[in-house]
């Protein structure tokens, strides 16, 4: 009976590790940081603001259409949700590894 449970836990650990790898790869497809807008002379200019080490960097995006702004905001929202899922998977992996060591 114990070997069956251990086998199931090992399968779940393998599934969780694969999911973690998939999430980490998918995170690279999203833009870094958050969308920052600055108003100058009646126009709104957009930047991606993100941290690199101790420094905060801003990448100029320029004048964006409302569709492009929505796309960036949706991507940033999706990235946050994916980071939450990744954190949950990492917690699950730690738990499964502790169970399998016993």
N, C-alpha and C. Protein backbone atom coordinates (compact mmCIF):
# COMPACT_ATOMS: atom_id res chain seq x y z
N UNK A 1 0.83 -1.20 0.00
CA UNK A 1 0.00 0.00 0.00
C UNK A 1 0.87 1.27 0.00
N UNK A 2 1.93 1.27 0.82
CA UNK A 2 2.81 2.45 0.90
C UNK A 2 3.51 2.71 -0.42
N UNK A 3 3.86 1.64 -1.14
CA UNK A 3 4.54 1.84 -2.43
C UNK A 3 3.60 2.45 -3.47
N UNK A 4 2.31 2.15 -3.38
CA UNK A 4 1.34 2.74 -4.30
C UNK A 4 1.23 4.25 -4.04
N UNK A 5 1.14 4.62 -2.78
CA UNK A 5 1.04 6.04 -2.41
C UNK A 5 2.31 6.78 -2.83
N UNK A 6 3.46 6.15 -2.59
CA UNK A 6 4.72 6.77 -2.96
C UNK A 6 4.80 6.96 -4.48
N UNK A 7 4.32 5.98 -5.23
CA UNK A 7 4.31 6.09 -6.69
C UNK A 7 3.43 7.23 -7.16
N UNK A 8 2.27 7.38 -6.54
CA UNK A 8 1.36 8.47 -6.90
C UNK A 8 2.00 9.82 -6.58
N UNK A 9 2.67 9.91 -5.42
CA UNK A 9 3.34 11.16 -5.05
C UNK A 9 4.47 11.48 -6.01
N UNK A 10 5.22 10.47 -6.45
CA UNK A 10 6.30 10.70 -7.40
C UNK A 10 5.75 11.17 -8.75
N UNK A 11 4.64 10.60 -9.17
CA UNK A 11 4.01 11.04 -10.42
C UNK A 11 3.55 12.49 -10.31
N UNK A 12 2.97 12.82 -9.18
CA UNK A 12 2.49 14.20 -8.97
C UNK A 12 3.68 15.17 -8.94
N UNK A 13 4.78 14.75 -8.32
CA UNK A 13 5.97 15.58 -8.29
C UNK A 13 6.50 15.81 -9.71
N UNK A 14 6.56 14.75 -10.50
CA UNK A 14 7.04 14.87 -11.88
C UNK A 14 6.13 15.81 -12.69
N UNK A 15 4.82 15.68 -12.49
CA UNK A 15 3.86 16.55 -13.18
C UNK A 15 4.05 18.01 -12.76
N UNK A 16 4.25 18.21 -11.45
CA UNK A 16 4.43 19.57 -10.94
C UNK A 16 5.73 20.19 -11.44
N UNK A 17 6.80 19.40 -11.53
CA UNK A 17 8.07 19.92 -12.05
C UNK A 17 7.94 20.30 -13.52
N UNK A 18 7.22 19.50 -14.29
CA UNK A 18 7.00 19.82 -15.70
C UNK A 18 6.17 21.10 -15.85
N UNK A 19 5.17 21.25 -14.99
CA UNK A 19 4.33 22.44 -15.00
C UNK A 19 5.14 23.68 -14.63
N UNK A 20 6.02 23.54 -13.66
CA UNK A 20 6.89 24.65 -13.25
C UNK A 20 7.76 25.10 -14.42
N UNK A 21 8.35 24.14 -15.13
CA UNK A 21 9.21 24.46 -16.27
C UNK A 21 8.39 25.17 -17.36
N UNK A 22 7.18 24.68 -17.60
CA UNK A 22 6.32 25.27 -18.62
C UNK A 22 5.96 26.72 -18.26
N UNK A 23 5.61 26.95 -16.99
CA UNK A 23 5.27 28.31 -16.54
C UNK A 23 6.46 29.24 -16.66
N UNK A 24 7.65 28.77 -16.28
CA UNK A 24 8.84 29.62 -16.34
C UNK A 24 9.17 29.99 -17.78
N UNK A 25 9.01 29.05 -18.70
CA UNK A 25 9.26 29.34 -20.12
C UNK A 25 8.22 30.33 -20.66
N UNK A 26 6.98 30.16 -20.24
CA UNK A 26 5.90 31.02 -20.73
C UNK A 26 6.06 32.46 -20.20
N UNK A 27 6.63 32.60 -19.00
CA UNK A 27 6.83 33.94 -18.44
C UNK A 27 7.76 34.78 -19.31
N UNK A 28 8.68 34.14 -20.01
CA UNK A 28 9.62 34.87 -20.87
C UNK A 28 8.93 35.50 -22.08
N UNK A 29 7.73 35.04 -22.41
CA UNK A 29 7.00 35.58 -23.55
C UNK A 29 6.29 36.90 -23.24
N UNK A 30 6.20 37.24 -21.97
CA UNK A 30 5.49 38.44 -21.56
C UNK A 30 6.45 39.61 -21.39
N UNK A 31 5.95 40.84 -21.53
CA UNK A 31 6.83 42.01 -21.33
C UNK A 31 7.21 42.14 -19.86
N UNK A 32 8.39 42.71 -19.64
CA UNK A 32 8.84 42.94 -18.28
C UNK A 32 8.13 44.14 -17.69
N UNK A 33 7.97 44.15 -16.36
CA UNK A 33 7.51 45.32 -15.63
C UNK A 33 6.06 45.68 -15.84
N UNK A 34 5.82 46.98 -15.76
CA UNK A 34 4.45 47.49 -15.89
C UNK A 34 4.43 48.66 -16.87
N UNK A 35 3.24 49.00 -17.31
CA UNK A 35 3.06 50.07 -18.30
C UNK A 35 2.97 51.41 -17.57
N UNK A 36 3.81 52.32 -18.01
CA UNK A 36 3.87 53.65 -17.42
C UNK A 36 3.48 54.65 -18.50
N UNK A 37 2.62 55.59 -18.16
CA UNK A 37 2.25 56.60 -19.16
C UNK A 37 2.66 57.97 -18.67
N UNK A 38 3.14 58.76 -19.61
CA UNK A 38 3.53 60.14 -19.32
C UNK A 38 2.86 61.05 -20.33
N UNK A 39 2.29 62.14 -19.82
CA UNK A 39 1.61 63.11 -20.68
C UNK A 39 2.55 64.28 -20.93
N UNK A 40 2.74 64.56 -22.20
CA UNK A 40 3.60 65.68 -22.59
C UNK A 40 2.96 66.37 -23.80
N UNK A 41 2.74 67.63 -23.65
CA UNK A 41 2.22 68.42 -24.77
C UNK A 41 0.92 67.90 -25.35
N UNK A 42 0.04 67.38 -24.52
CA UNK A 42 -1.25 66.89 -25.00
C UNK A 42 -1.20 65.46 -25.52
N UNK A 43 -0.04 64.85 -25.59
CA UNK A 43 0.09 63.47 -26.03
C UNK A 43 0.44 62.58 -24.83
N UNK A 44 0.10 61.31 -24.96
CA UNK A 44 0.43 60.34 -23.93
C UNK A 44 1.45 59.38 -24.51
N UNK A 45 2.61 59.30 -23.86
CA UNK A 45 3.69 58.42 -24.29
C UNK A 45 3.79 57.27 -23.29
N UNK A 46 4.08 56.09 -23.79
CA UNK A 46 4.10 54.90 -22.94
C UNK A 46 5.51 54.32 -22.82
N UNK A 47 5.76 53.78 -21.63
CA UNK A 47 7.04 53.15 -21.31
C UNK A 47 6.76 51.85 -20.58
N UNK A 48 7.67 50.90 -20.71
CA UNK A 48 7.66 49.72 -19.84
C UNK A 48 8.69 50.00 -18.76
N UNK A 49 8.27 49.98 -17.53
CA UNK A 49 9.15 50.24 -16.41
C UNK A 49 9.40 48.92 -15.69
N UNK A 50 10.69 48.60 -15.46
CA UNK A 50 11.02 47.33 -14.81
C UNK A 50 12.34 47.47 -14.04
N UNK A 51 12.55 46.55 -13.15
CA UNK A 51 13.75 46.56 -12.32
C UNK A 51 14.77 45.57 -12.88
N UNK A 52 16.01 46.02 -12.92
CA UNK A 52 17.12 45.16 -13.31
C UNK A 52 18.19 45.34 -12.24
N UNK A 53 18.25 44.37 -11.31
CA UNK A 53 19.14 44.51 -10.16
C UNK A 53 18.61 45.61 -9.26
N UNK A 54 19.45 46.58 -8.95
CA UNK A 54 19.06 47.71 -8.10
C UNK A 54 18.44 48.85 -8.91
N UNK A 55 18.67 48.84 -10.21
CA UNK A 55 18.23 49.94 -11.07
C UNK A 55 16.82 49.72 -11.60
N UNK A 56 16.10 50.83 -11.76
CA UNK A 56 14.79 50.80 -12.41
C UNK A 56 14.98 51.37 -13.81
N UNK A 57 14.64 50.56 -14.80
CA UNK A 57 14.81 50.96 -16.19
C UNK A 57 13.46 51.20 -16.84
N UNK A 58 13.48 52.03 -17.87
CA UNK A 58 12.26 52.29 -18.63
C UNK A 58 12.55 52.15 -20.11
N UNK A 59 11.74 51.35 -20.76
CA UNK A 59 11.88 51.14 -22.20
C UNK A 59 10.78 51.95 -22.89
N UNK A 60 11.18 52.83 -23.77
CA UNK A 60 10.24 53.70 -24.47
C UNK A 60 9.44 52.90 -25.50
N UNK A 61 8.12 53.03 -25.44
CA UNK A 61 7.24 52.37 -26.40
C UNK A 61 6.64 53.37 -27.38
N UNK A 62 6.53 54.63 -26.97
CA UNK A 62 6.02 55.67 -27.86
C UNK A 62 4.52 55.90 -27.71
N UNK A 63 3.95 56.50 -28.74
CA UNK A 63 2.50 56.70 -28.79
C UNK A 63 1.87 55.37 -29.17
N UNK A 64 0.95 54.89 -28.38
CA UNK A 64 0.30 53.61 -28.65
C UNK A 64 -1.19 53.81 -28.90
N UNK A 65 -1.74 52.99 -29.74
CA UNK A 65 -3.18 53.02 -29.98
C UNK A 65 -3.88 52.41 -28.77
N UNK A 66 -5.16 52.68 -28.58
CA UNK A 66 -5.89 52.08 -27.47
C UNK A 66 -5.84 50.54 -27.49
N UNK A 67 -5.81 49.96 -28.68
CA UNK A 67 -5.73 48.50 -28.79
C UNK A 67 -4.39 47.98 -28.27
N UNK A 68 -3.31 48.71 -28.60
CA UNK A 68 -1.98 48.30 -28.14
C UNK A 68 -1.86 48.45 -26.62
N UNK A 69 -2.43 49.51 -26.08
CA UNK A 69 -2.41 49.73 -24.63
C UNK A 69 -3.15 48.59 -23.94
N UNK A 70 -4.32 48.24 -24.48
CA UNK A 70 -5.11 47.14 -23.90
C UNK A 70 -4.33 45.84 -23.97
N UNK A 71 -3.64 45.61 -25.09
CA UNK A 71 -2.84 44.38 -25.25
C UNK A 71 -1.75 44.30 -24.18
N UNK A 72 -1.02 45.40 -23.97
CA UNK A 72 0.02 45.42 -22.95
C UNK A 72 -0.55 45.19 -21.56
N UNK A 73 -1.66 45.88 -21.26
CA UNK A 73 -2.28 45.73 -19.94
C UNK A 73 -2.77 44.30 -19.71
N UNK A 74 -3.34 43.69 -20.74
CA UNK A 74 -3.80 42.30 -20.63
C UNK A 74 -2.62 41.35 -20.42
N UNK A 75 -1.53 41.58 -21.14
CA UNK A 75 -0.35 40.73 -20.99
C UNK A 75 0.23 40.84 -19.58
N UNK A 76 0.27 42.04 -19.05
CA UNK A 76 0.80 42.25 -17.70
C UNK A 76 -0.11 41.58 -16.67
N UNK A 77 -1.41 41.69 -16.87
CA UNK A 77 -2.37 41.03 -15.98
C UNK A 77 -2.20 39.51 -16.04
N UNK A 78 -2.06 38.96 -17.25
CA UNK A 78 -1.87 37.52 -17.41
C UNK A 78 -0.56 37.07 -16.77
N UNK A 79 0.48 37.89 -16.89
CA UNK A 79 1.77 37.55 -16.30
C UNK A 79 1.68 37.47 -14.79
N UNK A 80 0.95 38.40 -14.18
CA UNK A 80 0.77 38.36 -12.72
C UNK A 80 0.05 37.09 -12.30
N UNK A 81 -0.99 36.71 -13.03
CA UNK A 81 -1.73 35.48 -12.72
C UNK A 81 -0.83 34.26 -12.87
N UNK A 82 0.00 34.25 -13.90
CA UNK A 82 0.91 33.14 -14.13
C UNK A 82 1.96 33.05 -13.03
N UNK A 83 2.44 34.20 -12.55
CA UNK A 83 3.40 34.20 -11.44
C UNK A 83 2.77 33.61 -10.18
N UNK A 84 1.50 33.90 -9.96
CA UNK A 84 0.78 33.34 -8.81
C UNK A 84 0.68 31.82 -8.94
N UNK A 85 0.34 31.35 -10.14
CA UNK A 85 0.26 29.91 -10.38
C UNK A 85 1.62 29.25 -10.19
N UNK A 86 2.68 29.90 -10.64
CA UNK A 86 4.03 29.37 -10.49
C UNK A 86 4.39 29.26 -9.01
N UNK A 87 4.03 30.26 -8.23
CA UNK A 87 4.31 30.22 -6.79
C UNK A 87 3.56 29.07 -6.14
N UNK A 88 2.33 28.84 -6.55
CA UNK A 88 1.55 27.72 -6.00
C UNK A 88 2.18 26.38 -6.35
N UNK A 89 2.66 26.24 -7.59
CA UNK A 89 3.30 25.00 -8.01
C UNK A 89 4.59 24.77 -7.23
N UNK A 90 5.36 25.83 -7.01
CA UNK A 90 6.60 25.70 -6.24
C UNK A 90 6.32 25.26 -4.81
N UNK A 91 5.27 25.79 -4.22
CA UNK A 91 4.87 25.38 -2.88
C UNK A 91 4.48 23.91 -2.88
N UNK A 92 3.75 23.48 -3.88
CA UNK A 92 3.33 22.09 -4.01
C UNK A 92 4.54 21.17 -4.16
N UNK A 93 5.53 21.60 -4.94
CA UNK A 93 6.75 20.80 -5.14
C UNK A 93 7.48 20.61 -3.82
N UNK A 94 7.63 21.68 -3.05
CA UNK A 94 8.31 21.58 -1.76
C UNK A 94 7.57 20.61 -0.84
N UNK A 95 6.26 20.69 -0.84
CA UNK A 95 5.45 19.81 0.00
C UNK A 95 5.62 18.34 -0.41
N UNK A 96 5.56 18.08 -1.71
CA UNK A 96 5.71 16.72 -2.21
C UNK A 96 7.11 16.17 -1.92
N UNK A 97 8.13 17.01 -2.09
CA UNK A 97 9.49 16.56 -1.79
C UNK A 97 9.66 16.21 -0.31
N UNK A 98 9.03 16.98 0.58
CA UNK A 98 9.09 16.66 2.02
C UNK A 98 8.39 15.35 2.29
N UNK A 99 7.23 15.11 1.66
CA UNK A 99 6.50 13.86 1.87
C UNK A 99 7.30 12.66 1.40
N UNK A 100 7.99 12.82 0.28
CA UNK A 100 8.74 11.69 -0.28
C UNK A 100 10.02 11.38 0.50
N UNK A 101 10.52 12.33 1.27
CA UNK A 101 11.72 12.09 2.07
C UNK A 101 11.42 11.28 3.32
N UNK A 102 10.17 11.28 3.76
CA UNK A 102 9.78 10.58 5.00
C UNK A 102 9.80 9.10 4.82
